[in-house]
Amino acid sequence: MTPVDFLERAVRTPSHENVDAMRELLLDELAAYDPAVDDAGNVLASRGSGRPHVVLNTHIDTVPPHVPARRDGDTLYGRGSCDAKGPLAALLAAFDRISPESGRVTLAVTPDEETDSTGAHALDLGADGYIVGEPTGLNACTSARGRFQGTVELGGEGAHAAQPQEGANAIQAAAPVLDALDAYDDEHGPSRHAELGPPTLVATKIRGGDATNRVPSEAVVTFDRRSVPPETEADFFAGFADHVGVRVPDDVTATVARAERDTPFLEAFHTPSDASVVEALVAAGAGRPRPFGAATEASYFAADAPTVVFGPGDLAVAHSSDEYVDLREVERAADIVTDALAELVG
C-alpha cells in the first residue's frame, strides 16, 4: 500500500459523526496482520515480539462538519487530511514496511480523540515508547500543555432589586472569582516550564440572573486551564477550590466543579530529548524536539513510556474549512517513521 492511496480513500470516508466506515477501511488495509477491535472501539494490530515494544497511535475520528476530499497536485484537501488521517497514513505505511527482528510494533488507532478519548483511556499496552500521529510539520514534539475545563458555581440569595441589601448577589460575587483566576498561578501554580512556558487560567463564559429587577441568586463562571508539568488534574482542582473559597463573600457559596467528562482530562507531559524513541525519530529526519501546540491523547501514553507526537501537516489548518496536507510530507513522514522503527526494533 502507499500512504497517498490510503489517505485519499480515508479522506473520502466521513468520520465526523460515526467512525464505522473509516474503521472498516482501516481493518481492510490491515487484513494481513489479523487486526482486532477491542471493547472501546480501538483498532489494534501487532508485528514482532518481545522488547522493546513501540506503539504507533493516532485516531480515525474527525471534527464536524465533513469537508469533501479534493486534490490539487501534491495537496489533498478535506476533513481529516491533516488531523489526523494524514498522520494515520504515514504510520500505517511504516507499520506495513517494517519487519521487526528485535522487538514488537503495535498500531493502536483510537475512535474518539476529538471528544472524550474513551478509546485511548482504555488502552493498556505496556509499551517502551509511543509515536503519536498528529500534524507537527515533521517535527518531533516532546511536550504539550494539558487542558482542563470547569466551572465556579455561585449561590446567593434572591431579592427585589429595589432592596438589594435583603439578598446576596451571586453575579457580584463573580468579581472576586475573576480576580482569583488572575491570581492563582502567582500564588499556587506550577513554575514556568522550560519548553511550554507558563500555565494559563482564563474565564471563558459567565452567566447568571433571571430577571432585570431581581438580585440574582445564581451565577456560573466557566474557565479553561492549560497546565504544564508537574501539575495534575487532581492537584489543580483541589488547589483552585481552596483558592476561590477564601475569596468570595461569606453569604455566597462557591463550588468548583470539573466539566462533565467520562475520562480524565488530558494532562501536560514532557519527554526527555535523549529518550530512544526521540533520538530515533530525529536521526531518521524529524525536526528537533519542540512542544506541540494542542492537548492530545499522548498525555495518557506519556504516563506509561516516553512519547513523541509526530506527523505531516500544519496544526494551524486542522479543523478548518480549508484543511489540507502536502502529500509529499505524508510520504516523507512514512519514511521517517519506517527508519526510526528500523533503529528501534529492526
C-alpha atoms as a PDB file:
ATOM      1  CA  MET A   1       0.000   0.000   0.000  1.00  0.00           C
ATOM      2  CA  THR A   2       1.126   3.588  -0.497  1.00  0.00           C
ATOM      3  CA  PRO A   3       0.307   6.225   2.100  1.00  0.00           C
ATOM      4  CA  VAL A   4      -1.151   8.554  -0.507  1.00  0.00           C
ATOM      5  CA  ASP A   5      -3.510   5.932  -1.949  1.00  0.00           C
ATOM      6  CA  PHE A   6      -4.815   5.073   1.517  1.00  0.00           C
ATOM      7  CA  LEU A   7      -5.104   8.721   2.527  1.00  0.00           C
ATOM      8  CA  GLU A   8      -7.198   9.656  -0.486  1.00  0.00           C
ATOM      9  CA  ARG A   9      -9.643   6.878   0.335  1.00  0.00           C
ATOM     10  CA  ALA A  10      -9.638   7.798   4.022  1.00  0.00           C
ATOM     11  CA  VAL A  11     -10.438  11.465   3.433  1.00  0.00           C
ATOM     12  CA  ARG A  12     -13.308  10.434   1.171  1.00  0.00           C
ATOM     13  CA  THR A  13     -14.702   8.411   4.085  1.00  0.00           C
ATOM     14  CA  PRO A  14     -16.589  10.664   6.529  1.00  0.00           C
ATOM     15  CA  SER A  15     -15.873  10.011  10.207  1.00  0.00           C
ATOM     16  CA  HIS A  16     -17.189  13.143  11.896  1.00  0.00           C
ATOM     17  CA  GLU A  17     -20.410  11.559  13.186  1.00  0.00           C
ATOM     18  CA  ASN A  18     -19.672   7.842  13.102  1.00  0.00           C
ATOM     19  CA  VAL A  19     -16.349   6.067  12.613  1.00  0.00           C
ATOM     20  CA  ASP A  20     -17.697   2.678  11.499  1.00  0.00           C
ATOM     21  CA  ALA A  21     -16.935   3.103   7.789  1.00  0.00           C
ATOM     22  CA  MET A  22     -13.483   4.501   8.497  1.00  0.00           C
ATOM     23  CA  ARG A  23     -12.753   1.676  10.912  1.00  0.00           C
ATOM     24  CA  GLU A  24     -13.745  -0.885   8.258  1.00  0.00           C
ATOM     25  CA  LEU A  25     -11.449   0.789   5.738  1.00  0.00           C
ATOM     26  CA  LEU A  26      -8.572   0.542   8.209  1.00  0.00           C
ATOM     27  CA  LEU A  27      -9.349  -3.079   9.058  1.00  0.00           C
ATOM     28  CA  ASP A  28      -9.345  -3.962   5.359  1.00  0.00           C
ATOM     29  CA  GLU A  29      -5.894  -2.412   4.963  1.00  0.00           C
ATOM     30  CA  LEU A  30      -4.621  -4.374   7.962  1.00  0.00           C
ATOM     31  CA  ALA A  31      -6.211  -7.698   6.990  1.00  0.00           C
ATOM     32  CA  ALA A  32      -2.835  -9.415   6.559  1.00  0.00           C
ATOM     33  CA  TYR A  33      -1.934  -8.661  10.189  1.00  0.00           C
ATOM     34  CA  ASP A  34      -5.007 -10.111  11.913  1.00  0.00           C
ATOM     35  CA  PRO A  35      -6.271  -6.813  13.366  1.00  0.00           C
ATOM     36  CA  ALA A  36      -8.703  -6.705  16.269  1.00  0.00           C
ATOM     37  CA  VAL A  37     -11.231  -4.216  17.606  1.00  0.00           C
ATOM     38  CA  ASP A  38     -11.384  -4.035  21.390  1.00  0.00           C
ATOM     39  CA  ASP A  39     -14.384  -3.200  23.575  1.00  0.00           C
ATOM     40  CA  ALA A  40     -13.550   0.519  23.423  1.00  0.00           C
ATOM     41  CA  GLY A  41     -13.539   0.577  19.622  1.00  0.00           C
ATOM     42  CA  ASN A  42      -9.752   0.740  19.210  1.00  0.00           C
ATOM     43  CA  VAL A  43      -8.182  -0.960  16.194  1.00  0.00           C
ATOM     44  CA  LEU A  44      -5.126  -2.995  17.213  1.00  0.00           C
ATOM     45  CA  ALA A  45      -2.531  -4.882  15.190  1.00  0.00           C
ATOM     46  CA  SER A  46       0.964  -6.059  16.130  1.00  0.00           C
ATOM     47  CA  ARG A  47       4.102  -7.311  14.432  1.00  0.00           C
ATOM     48  CA  GLY A  48       7.127  -8.955  16.023  1.00  0.00           C
ATOM     49  CA  SER A  49       7.547  -9.989  19.652  1.00  0.00           C
ATOM     50  CA  GLY A  50       9.450  -9.200  22.819  1.00  0.00           C
ATOM     51  CA  ARG A  51      11.054  -5.906  23.764  1.00  0.00           C
ATOM     52  CA  PRO A  52      11.336  -3.112  23.053  1.00  0.00           C
ATOM     53  CA  HIS A  53       7.666  -2.572  22.308  1.00  0.00           C
ATOM     54  CA  VAL A  54       6.902   0.543  20.242  1.00  0.00           C
ATOM     55  CA  VAL A  55       3.318   1.722  19.786  1.00  0.00           C
ATOM     56  CA  LEU A  56       2.152   3.791  16.819  1.00  0.00           C
ATOM     57  CA  ASN A  57      -1.010   5.655  17.745  1.00  0.00           C
ATOM     58  CA  THR A  58      -3.426   8.103  16.164  1.00  0.00           C
ATOM     59  CA  HIS A  59      -7.190   8.447  15.714  1.00  0.00           C
ATOM     60  CA  ILE A  60      -9.808   7.956  12.992  1.00  0.00           C
ATOM     61  CA  ASP A  61     -12.498  10.391  14.149  1.00  0.00           C
ATOM     62  CA  THR A  62     -12.694  13.939  12.812  1.00  0.00           C
ATOM     63  CA  VAL A  63     -14.483  17.105  13.835  1.00  0.00           C
ATOM     64  CA  PRO A  64     -17.654  18.232  12.052  1.00  0.00           C
ATOM     65  CA  PRO A  65     -18.610  19.306   9.502  1.00  0.00           C
ATOM     66  CA  HIS A  66     -17.351  16.924   6.864  1.00  0.00           C
ATOM     67  CA  VAL A  67     -15.341  18.630   4.119  1.00  0.00           C
ATOM     68  CA  PRO A  68     -15.248  16.625   0.858  1.00  0.00           C
ATOM     69  CA  ALA A  69     -11.900  15.476  -0.493  1.00  0.00           C
ATOM     70  CA  ARG A  70     -10.304  17.447  -3.310  1.00  0.00           C
ATOM     71  CA  ARG A  71      -6.826  17.007  -4.745  1.00  0.00           C
ATOM     72  CA  ASP A  72      -4.800  19.753  -6.363  1.00  0.00           C
ATOM     73  CA  GLY A  73      -1.427  18.414  -7.438  1.00  0.00           C
ATOM     74  CA  ASP A  74       0.503  17.432  -4.325  1.00  0.00           C
ATOM     75  CA  THR A  75      -2.070  18.940  -1.970  1.00  0.00           C
ATOM     76  CA  LEU A  76      -5.035  16.994  -0.633  1.00  0.00           C
ATOM     77  CA  TYR A  77      -7.897  18.992   0.854  1.00  0.00           C
ATOM     78  CA  GLY A  78     -10.700  17.646   3.012  1.00  0.00           C
ATOM     79  CA  ARG A  79     -11.707  16.893   6.574  1.00  0.00           C
ATOM     80  CA  GLY A  80      -9.122  14.744   8.296  1.00  0.00           C
ATOM     81  CA  SER A  81      -6.448  15.213   5.639  1.00  0.00           C
ATOM     82  CA  CYS A  82      -4.321  16.940   8.261  1.00  0.00           C
ATOM     83  CA  ASP A  83      -5.937  15.836  11.531  1.00  0.00           C
ATOM     84  CA  ALA A  84      -5.312  13.023  11.630  1.00  0.00           C
ATOM     85  CA  LYS A  85      -5.724  10.810   8.547  1.00  0.00           C
ATOM     86  CA  GLY A  86      -2.501  12.154   7.055  1.00  0.00           C
ATOM     87  CA  PRO A  87      -0.540  11.034  10.138  1.00  0.00           C
ATOM     88  CA  LEU A  88      -2.513   7.765  10.125  1.00  0.00           C
ATOM     89  CA  ALA A  89      -1.495   7.073   6.526  1.00  0.00           C
ATOM     90  CA  ALA A  90       2.162   7.602   7.411  1.00  0.00           C
ATOM     91  CA  LEU A  91       2.035   5.367  10.496  1.00  0.00           C
ATOM     92  CA  LEU A  92       0.124   2.673   8.616  1.00  0.00           C
ATOM     93  CA  ALA A  93       2.690   2.638   5.833  1.00  0.00           C
ATOM     94  CA  ALA A  94       5.557   2.375   8.314  1.00  0.00           C
ATOM     95  CA  PHE A  95       3.793  -0.452  10.150  1.00  0.00           C
ATOM     96  CA  ASP A  96       3.378  -2.310   6.858  1.00  0.00           C
ATOM     97  CA  ARG A  97       7.005  -1.830   5.797  1.00  0.00           C
ATOM     98  CA  ILE A  98       8.794  -2.821   8.989  1.00  0.00           C
ATOM     99  CA  SER A  99       9.629  -6.436   9.830  1.00  0.00           C
ATOM    100  CA  PRO A 100      10.731  -6.335  13.468  1.00  0.00           C
ATOM    101  CA  GLU A 101      13.643  -8.612  14.303  1.00  0.00           C
ATOM    102  CA  SER A 102      14.353  -7.446  17.843  1.00  0.00           C
ATOM    103  CA  GLY A 103      11.112  -6.193  19.312  1.00  0.00           C
ATOM    104  CA  ARG A 104       7.463  -5.530  18.628  1.00  0.00           C
ATOM    105  CA  VAL A 105       5.441  -2.791  16.936  1.00  0.00           C
ATOM    106  CA  THR A 106       1.751  -2.226  17.684  1.00  0.00           C
ATOM    107  CA  LEU A 107      -0.565   0.006  15.707  1.00  0.00           C
ATOM    108  CA  ALA A 108      -3.282   1.302  18.076  1.00  0.00           C
ATOM    109  CA  VAL A 109      -5.853   3.579  16.470  1.00  0.00           C
ATOM    110  CA  THR A 110      -8.491   5.213  18.657  1.00  0.00           C
ATOM    111  CA  PRO A 111     -12.082   6.177  17.747  1.00  0.00           C
ATOM    112  CA  ASP A 112     -12.851   9.342  19.726  1.00  0.00           C
ATOM    113  CA  GLU A 113      -9.838  11.588  20.263  1.00  0.00           C
ATOM    114  CA  GLU A 114     -11.844  14.668  19.288  1.00  0.00           C
ATOM    115  CA  THR A 115     -14.360  14.105  22.112  1.00  0.00           C
ATOM    116  CA  ASP A 116     -13.858  12.070  25.293  1.00  0.00           C
ATOM    117  CA  SER A 117     -10.885   9.837  24.415  1.00  0.00           C
ATOM    118  CA  THR A 118     -12.534   6.745  25.872  1.00  0.00           C
ATOM    119  CA  GLY A 119     -10.577   4.576  23.432  1.00  0.00           C
ATOM    120  CA  ALA A 120      -7.188   5.928  24.464  1.00  0.00           C
ATOM    121  CA  HIS A 121      -8.066   5.765  28.146  1.00  0.00           C
ATOM    122  CA  ALA A 122      -8.918   2.058  27.782  1.00  0.00           C
ATOM    123  CA  LEU A 123      -5.562   1.139  26.243  1.00  0.00           C
ATOM    124  CA  ASP A 124      -3.066  -0.666  28.466  1.00  0.00           C
ATOM    125  CA  LEU A 125      -0.251  -1.709  26.154  1.00  0.00           C
ATOM    126  CA  GLY A 126       2.851  -1.787  28.344  1.00  0.00           C
ATOM    127  CA  ALA A 127       4.992  -0.068  25.734  1.00  0.00           C
ATOM    128  CA  ASP A 128       8.558   1.160  25.836  1.00  0.00           C
ATOM    129  CA  GLY A 129       7.816   4.106  23.575  1.00  0.00           C
ATOM    130  CA  TYR A 130       4.949   5.771  21.711  1.00  0.00           C
ATOM    131  CA  ILE A 131       4.794   7.690  18.442  1.00  0.00           C
ATOM    132  CA  VAL A 132       1.514   9.593  18.354  1.00  0.00           C
ATOM    133  CA  GLY A 133       0.389  10.755  14.934  1.00  0.00           C
ATOM    134  CA  GLU A 134      -0.702  14.392  14.818  1.00  0.00           C
ATOM    135  CA  PRO A 135       0.156  17.275  12.463  1.00  0.00           C
ATOM    136  CA  THR A 136       3.553  18.569  13.625  1.00  0.00           C
ATOM    137  CA  GLY A 137       5.120  19.608  10.319  1.00  0.00           C
ATOM    138  CA  LEU A 138       7.513  16.632  10.678  1.00  0.00           C
ATOM    139  CA  ASN A 139       8.895  17.927  13.973  1.00  0.00           C
ATOM    140  CA  ALA A 140       9.411  15.596  16.919  1.00  0.00           C
ATOM    141  CA  CYS A 141       7.180  17.135  19.576  1.00  0.00           C
ATOM    142  CA  THR A 142       8.133  16.007  23.058  1.00  0.00           C
ATOM    143  CA  SER A 143       5.855  18.080  25.260  1.00  0.00           C
ATOM    144  CA  ALA A 144       2.385  19.593  25.339  1.00  0.00           C
ATOM    145  CA  ARG A 145       0.220  21.515  27.734  1.00  0.00           C
ATOM    146  CA  GLY A 146      -2.712  19.832  29.389  1.00  0.00           C
ATOM    147  CA  ARG A 147      -6.261  21.103  29.217  1.00  0.00           C
ATOM    148  CA  PHE A 148      -8.848  21.138  31.989  1.00  0.00           C
ATOM    149  CA  GLN A 149     -12.271  22.780  31.980  1.00  0.00           C
ATOM    150  CA  GLY A 150     -14.562  23.529  34.861  1.00  0.00           C
ATOM    151  CA  THR A 151     -16.966  25.935  36.493  1.00  0.00           C
ATOM    152  CA  VAL A 152     -17.301  28.009  39.625  1.00  0.00           C
ATOM    153  CA  GLU A 153     -20.956  27.804  40.675  1.00  0.00           C
ATOM    154  CA  LEU A 154     -22.019  30.680  42.912  1.00  0.00           C
ATOM    155  CA  GLY A 155     -25.079  30.541  45.161  1.00  0.00           C
ATOM    156  CA  GLY A 156     -26.527  33.661  46.761  1.00  0.00           C
ATOM    157  CA  GLU A 157     -29.934  34.821  47.926  1.00  0.00           C
ATOM    158  CA  GLY A 158     -32.533  36.328  45.627  1.00  0.00           C
ATOM    159  CA  ALA A 159     -34.249  39.611  46.494  1.00  0.00           C
ATOM    160  CA  HIS A 160     -36.056  42.547  44.878  1.00  0.00           C
ATOM    161  CA  ALA A 161     -33.616  44.809  43.090  1.00  0.00           C
ATOM    162  CA  ALA A 162     -35.075  47.758  44.994  1.00  0.00           C
ATOM    163  CA  GLN A 163     -33.959  46.104  48.245  1.00  0.00           C
ATOM    164  CA  PRO A 164     -30.548  44.597  47.349  1.00  0.00           C
ATOM    165  CA  GLN A 165     -29.482  44.532  50.999  1.00  0.00           C
ATOM    166  CA  GLU A 166     -32.033  41.778  51.570  1.00  0.00           C
ATOM    167  CA  GLY A 167     -30.227  39.373  49.242  1.00  0.00           C
ATOM    168  CA  ALA A 168     -26.778  38.079  48.365  1.00  0.00           C
ATOM    169  CA  ASN A 169     -25.820  38.936  44.782  1.00  0.00           C
ATOM    170  CA  ALA A 170     -24.274  35.938  43.045  1.00  0.00           C
ATOM    171  CA  ILE A 171     -23.246  37.942  39.974  1.00  0.00           C
ATOM    172  CA  GLN A 172     -21.357  40.485  42.062  1.00  0.00           C
ATOM    173  CA  ALA A 173     -19.601  37.577  43.770  1.00  0.00           C
ATOM    174  CA  ALA A 174     -18.215  36.647  40.355  1.00  0.00           C
ATOM    175  CA  ALA A 175     -15.878  39.651  40.571  1.00  0.00           C
ATOM    176  CA  PRO A 176     -13.611  38.091  43.234  1.00  0.00           C
ATOM    177  CA  VAL A 177     -13.769  34.816  41.284  1.00  0.00           C
ATOM    178  CA  LEU A 178     -12.356  36.593  38.227  1.00  0.00           C
ATOM    179  CA  ASP A 179      -9.663  38.104  40.435  1.00  0.00           C
ATOM    180  CA  ALA A 180      -8.945  34.630  41.799  1.00  0.00           C
ATOM    181  CA  LEU A 181      -8.445  33.299  38.271  1.00  0.00           C
ATOM    182  CA  ASP A 182      -5.897  36.030  37.579  1.00  0.00           C
ATOM    183  CA  ALA A 183      -4.035  35.491  40.858  1.00  0.00           C
ATOM    184  CA  TYR A 184      -3.985  31.704  41.088  1.00  0.00           C
ATOM    185  CA  ASP A 185      -0.721  30.960  39.305  1.00  0.00           C
ATOM    186  CA  ASP A 186       1.241  33.688  41.056  1.00  0.00           C
ATOM    187  CA  GLU A 187       0.191  32.226  44.397  1.00  0.00           C
ATOM    188  CA  HIS A 188      -0.218  28.487  43.807  1.00  0.00           C
ATOM    189  CA  GLY A 189       0.532  27.462  40.230  1.00  0.00           C
ATOM    190  CA  PRO A 190       3.486  25.490  38.892  1.00  0.00           C
ATOM    191  CA  SER A 191       6.586  27.343  37.770  1.00  0.00           C
ATOM    192  CA  ARG A 192       7.122  28.347  34.164  1.00  0.00           C
ATOM    193  CA  HIS A 193       8.083  25.276  32.141  1.00  0.00           C
ATOM    194  CA  ALA A 194      11.334  25.462  30.164  1.00  0.00           C
ATOM    195  CA  GLU A 195       9.648  24.367  26.907  1.00  0.00           C
ATOM    196  CA  LEU A 196       5.942  25.064  27.385  1.00  0.00           C
ATOM    197  CA  GLY A 197       6.156  28.368  29.205  1.00  0.00           C
ATOM    198  CA  PRO A 198       3.704  29.339  31.949  1.00  0.00           C
ATOM    199  CA  PRO A 199       0.312  27.775  32.600  1.00  0.00           C
ATOM    200  CA  THR A 200      -2.802  29.795  31.781  1.00  0.00           C
ATOM    201  CA  LEU A 201      -6.152  30.096  33.531  1.00  0.00           C
ATOM    202  CA  VAL A 202      -8.901  32.169  31.944  1.00  0.00           C
ATOM    203  CA  ALA A 203     -12.639  32.731  32.265  1.00  0.00           C
ATOM    204  CA  THR A 204     -14.398  31.739  29.055  1.00  0.00           C
ATOM    205  CA  LYS A 205     -18.113  32.134  29.903  1.00  0.00           C
ATOM    206  CA  ILE A 206     -20.238  33.715  32.588  1.00  0.00           C
ATOM    207  CA  ARG A 207     -23.980  33.553  33.139  1.00  0.00           C
ATOM    208  CA  GLY A 208     -26.387  34.455  35.889  1.00  0.00           C
ATOM    209  CA  GLY A 209     -29.634  36.136  36.788  1.00  0.00           C
ATOM    210  CA  ASP A 210     -33.151  35.555  35.518  1.00  0.00           C
ATOM    211  CA  ALA A 211     -34.828  38.968  35.691  1.00  0.00           C
ATOM    212  CA  THR A 212     -33.787  42.601  35.368  1.00  0.00           C
ATOM    213  CA  ASN A 213     -35.428  43.596  38.645  1.00  0.00           C
ATOM    214  CA  ARG A 214     -34.210  40.770  40.867  1.00  0.00           C
ATOM    215  CA  VAL A 215     -30.975  40.266  42.792  1.00  0.00           C
ATOM    216  CA  PRO A 216     -29.569  37.083  41.218  1.00  0.00           C
ATOM    217  CA  SER A 217     -29.244  34.021  43.420  1.00  0.00           C
ATOM    218  CA  GLU A 218     -27.087  32.037  40.981  1.00  0.00           C
ATOM    219  CA  ALA A 219     -24.132  32.661  38.693  1.00  0.00           C
ATOM    220  CA  VAL A 220     -21.692  30.370  36.931  1.00  0.00           C
ATOM    221  CA  VAL A 221     -18.175  31.204  35.719  1.00  0.00           C
ATOM    222  CA  THR A 222     -16.686  28.737  33.222  1.00  0.00           C
ATOM    223  CA  PHE A 223     -12.905  28.521  32.992  1.00  0.00           C
ATOM    224  CA  ASP A 224     -10.222  26.941  30.839  1.00  0.00           C
ATOM    225  CA  ARG A 225      -6.946  25.714  32.320  1.00  0.00           C
ATOM    226  CA  ARG A 226      -3.852  24.996  30.206  1.00  0.00           C
ATOM    227  CA  SER A 227      -1.455  23.206  32.516  1.00  0.00           C
ATOM    228  CA  VAL A 228       2.263  22.489  32.467  1.00  0.00           C
ATOM    229  CA  PRO A 229       4.199  19.719  34.241  1.00  0.00           C
ATOM    230  CA  PRO A 230       4.145  18.637  37.004  1.00  0.00           C
ATOM    231  CA  GLU A 231       0.572  19.821  37.668  1.00  0.00           C
ATOM    232  CA  THR A 232      -2.069  17.082  37.645  1.00  0.00           C
ATOM    233  CA  GLU A 233      -5.832  17.359  37.269  1.00  0.00           C
ATOM    234  CA  ALA A 234      -6.356  16.450  40.930  1.00  0.00           C
ATOM    235  CA  ASP A 235      -3.762  18.966  42.126  1.00  0.00           C
ATOM    236  CA  PHE A 236      -5.306  21.794  40.165  1.00  0.00           C
ATOM    237  CA  PHE A 237      -8.952  21.299  41.071  1.00  0.00           C
ATOM    238  CA  ALA A 238      -8.186  20.839  44.766  1.00  0.00           C
ATOM    239  CA  GLY A 239      -5.885  23.847  44.898  1.00  0.00           C
ATOM    240  CA  PHE A 240      -8.178  26.104  42.905  1.00  0.00           C
ATOM    241  CA  ALA A 241     -11.217  25.206  45.019  1.00  0.00           C
ATOM    242  CA  ASP A 242      -9.344  26.260  48.171  1.00  0.00           C
ATOM    243  CA  HIS A 243      -8.085  29.407  46.440  1.00  0.00           C
ATOM    244  CA  VAL A 244     -11.585  30.513  45.386  1.00  0.00           C
ATOM    245  CA  GLY A 245     -13.278  29.539  48.630  1.00  0.00           C
ATOM    246  CA  VAL A 246     -11.494  32.155  50.730  1.00  0.00           C
ATOM    247  CA  ARG A 247     -12.213  34.987  48.279  1.00  0.00           C
ATOM    248  CA  VAL A 248     -15.975  35.002  47.826  1.00  0.00           C
ATOM    249  CA  PRO A 249     -18.254  36.790  50.334  1.00  0.00           C
ATOM    250  CA  ASP A 250     -19.381  34.776  53.346  1.00  0.00           C
ATOM    251  CA  ASP A 251     -23.029  34.963  52.272  1.00  0.00           C
ATOM    252  CA  VAL A 252     -22.323  33.334  48.887  1.00  0.00           C
ATOM    253  CA  THR A 253     -21.362  29.710  48.329  1.00  0.00           C
ATOM    254  CA  ALA A 254     -18.749  28.783  45.724  1.00  0.00           C
ATOM    255  CA  THR A 255     -18.405  25.288  44.280  1.00  0.00           C
ATOM    256  CA  VAL A 256     -15.603  24.438  41.843  1.00  0.00           C
ATOM    257  CA  ALA A 257     -16.617  21.585  39.549  1.00  0.00           C
ATOM    258  CA  ARG A 258     -14.784  19.861  36.690  1.00  0.00           C
ATOM    259  CA  ALA A 259     -16.621  19.810  33.384  1.00  0.00           C
ATOM    260  CA  GLU A 260     -18.593  16.638  32.753  1.00  0.00           C
ATOM    261  CA  ARG A 261     -16.355  14.059  31.136  1.00  0.00           C
ATOM    262  CA  ASP A 262     -16.240  10.273  31.417  1.00  0.00           C
ATOM    263  CA  THR A 263     -12.454  10.134  31.190  1.00  0.00           C
ATOM    264  CA  PRO A 264      -9.592  12.030  32.830  1.00  0.00           C
ATOM    265  CA  PHE A 265      -8.624  15.335  31.277  1.00  0.00           C
ATOM    266  CA  LEU A 266      -5.508  15.383  29.117  1.00  0.00           C
ATOM    267  CA  GLU A 267      -2.654  16.404  31.392  1.00  0.00           C
ATOM    268  CA  ALA A 268       0.563  18.101  30.371  1.00  0.00           C
ATOM    269  CA  PHE A 269       3.535  15.893  29.552  1.00  0.00           C
ATOM    270  CA  HIS A 270       7.224  16.157  28.753  1.00  0.00           C
ATOM    271  CA  THR A 271       9.532  13.507  27.275  1.00  0.00           C
ATOM    272  CA  PRO A 272      13.319  13.954  27.631  1.00  0.00           C
ATOM    273  CA  SER A 273      15.056  14.590  24.316  1.00  0.00           C
ATOM    274  CA  ASP A 274      17.511  11.747  24.979  1.00  0.00           C
ATOM    275  CA  ALA A 275      14.757   9.105  25.083  1.00  0.00           C
ATOM    276  CA  SER A 276      15.461   6.414  22.483  1.00  0.00           C
ATOM    277  CA  VAL A 277      12.213   6.998  20.577  1.00  0.00           C
ATOM    278  CA  VAL A 278      13.041  10.713  20.273  1.00  0.00           C
ATOM    279  CA  GLU A 279      16.605  10.097  19.173  1.00  0.00           C
ATOM    280  CA  ALA A 280      15.499   7.524  16.596  1.00  0.00           C
ATOM    281  CA  LEU A 281      12.992   9.895  15.004  1.00  0.00           C
ATOM    282  CA  VAL A 282      15.433  12.805  14.892  1.00  0.00           C
ATOM    283  CA  ALA A 283      18.174  10.598  13.435  1.00  0.00           C
ATOM    284  CA  ALA A 284      15.700   9.473  10.762  1.00  0.00           C
ATOM    285  CA  GLY A 285      14.982  13.069   9.725  1.00  0.00           C
ATOM    286  CA  ALA A 286      12.386  14.506  12.095  1.00  0.00           C
ATOM    287  CA  GLY A 287      12.824  18.115  13.186  1.00  0.00           C
ATOM    288  CA  ARG A 288      14.470  18.883  16.502  1.00  0.00           C
ATOM    289  CA  PRO A 289      12.297  18.404  19.605  1.00  0.00           C
ATOM    290  CA  ARG A 290       9.790  21.133  20.358  1.00  0.00           C
ATOM    291  CA  PRO A 291       6.409  21.491  22.103  1.00  0.00           C
ATOM    292  CA  PHE A 292       3.142  20.533  20.416  1.00  0.00           C
ATOM    293  CA  GLY A 293       0.526  23.263  20.237  1.00  0.00           C
ATOM    294  CA  ALA A 294      -2.536  21.371  21.480  1.00  0.00           C
ATOM    295  CA  ALA A 295      -3.589  18.803  24.060  1.00  0.00           C
ATOM    296  CA  THR A 296      -3.561  15.237  22.697  1.00  0.00           C
ATOM    297  CA  GLU A 297      -4.090  11.641  23.751  1.00  0.00           C
ATOM    298  CA  ALA A 298      -0.307  11.480  24.051  1.00  0.00           C
ATOM    299  CA  SER A 299      -0.984  12.651  27.593  1.00  0.00           C
ATOM    300  CA  TYR A 300      -2.359   9.239  28.550  1.00  0.00           C
ATOM    301  CA  PHE A 301       0.548   7.358  26.994  1.00  0.00           C
ATOM    302  CA  ALA A 302       3.315   9.560  28.391  1.00  0.00           C
ATOM    303  CA  ALA A 303       2.465   8.254  31.850  1.00  0.00           C
ATOM    304  CA  ASP A 304       3.420   4.782  30.574  1.00  0.00           C
ATOM    305  CA  ALA A 305       6.543   5.394  28.463  1.00  0.00           C
ATOM    306  CA  PRO A 306       8.463   8.088  26.524  1.00  0.00           C
ATOM    307  CA  THR A 307       6.087   9.610  23.995  1.00  0.00           C
ATOM    308  CA  VAL A 308       6.618  11.704  20.867  1.00  0.00           C
ATOM    309  CA  VAL A 309       3.970  13.489  18.801  1.00  0.00           C
ATOM    310  CA  PHE A 310       4.909  13.408  15.125  1.00  0.00           C
ATOM    311  CA  GLY A 311       3.346  13.615  11.708  1.00  0.00           C
ATOM    312  CA  PRO A 312       2.769  15.529   8.482  1.00  0.00           C
ATOM    313  CA  GLY A 313       0.613  18.611   8.260  1.00  0.00           C
ATOM    314  CA  ASP A 314       0.189  22.001   9.868  1.00  0.00           C
ATOM    315  CA  LEU A 315      -1.839  22.184  13.076  1.00  0.00           C
ATOM    316  CA  ALA A 316      -2.957  25.692  12.087  1.00  0.00           C
ATOM    317  CA  VAL A 317      -5.213  24.310   9.322  1.00  0.00           C
ATOM    318  CA  ALA A 318      -6.605  21.376  11.305  1.00  0.00           C
ATOM    319  CA  HIS A 319     -10.388  21.618  11.865  1.00  0.00           C
ATOM    320  CA  SER A 320     -10.638  24.458   9.321  1.00  0.00           C
ATOM    321  CA  SER A 321     -12.861  24.610   6.239  1.00  0.00           C
ATOM    322  CA  ASP A 322      -9.702  24.563   4.110  1.00  0.00           C
ATOM    323  CA  GLU A 323      -7.983  21.693   5.922  1.00  0.00           C
ATOM    324  CA  TYR A 324      -5.244  20.187   3.772  1.00  0.00           C
ATOM    325  CA  VAL A 325      -1.984  18.258   3.795  1.00  0.00           C
ATOM    326  CA  ASP A 326       1.009  18.172   1.483  1.00  0.00           C
ATOM    327  CA  LEU A 327       1.181  14.631   0.117  1.00  0.00           C
ATOM    328  CA  ARG A 328       4.958  14.796  -0.211  1.00  0.00           C
ATOM    329  CA  GLU A 329       5.092  15.452   3.520  1.00  0.00           C
ATOM    330  CA  VAL A 330       2.910  12.399   4.166  1.00  0.00           C
ATOM    331  CA  GLU A 331       5.323  10.236   2.183  1.00  0.00           C
ATOM    332  CA  ARG A 332       8.299  11.766   3.980  1.00  0.00           C
ATOM    333  CA  ALA A 333       6.671  11.098   7.350  1.00  0.00           C
ATOM    334  CA  ALA A 334       6.194   7.451   6.411  1.00  0.00           C
ATOM    335  CA  ASP A 335       9.875   7.187   5.516  1.00  0.00           C
ATOM    336  CA  ILE A 336      10.974   8.817   8.776  1.00  0.00           C
ATOM    337  CA  VAL A 337       8.839   6.550  10.951  1.00  0.00           C
ATOM    338  CA  THR A 338       9.958   3.483   8.992  1.00  0.00           C
ATOM    339  CA  ASP A 339      13.627   4.362   9.507  1.00  0.00           C
ATOM    340  CA  ALA A 340      13.045   5.135  13.191  1.00  0.00           C
ATOM    341  CA  LEU A 341      11.360   1.765  13.713  1.00  0.00           C
ATOM    342  CA  ALA A 342      14.235   0.034  11.941  1.00  0.00           C
ATOM    343  CA  GLU A 343      16.565   1.581  14.501  1.00  0.00           C
ATOM    344  CA  LEU A 344      14.340   0.722  17.457  1.00  0.00           C
ATOM    345  CA  VAL A 345      13.128  -2.797  16.629  1.00  0.00           C
ATOM    346  CA  GLY A 346      14.611  -3.757  13.257  1.00  0.00           C
END
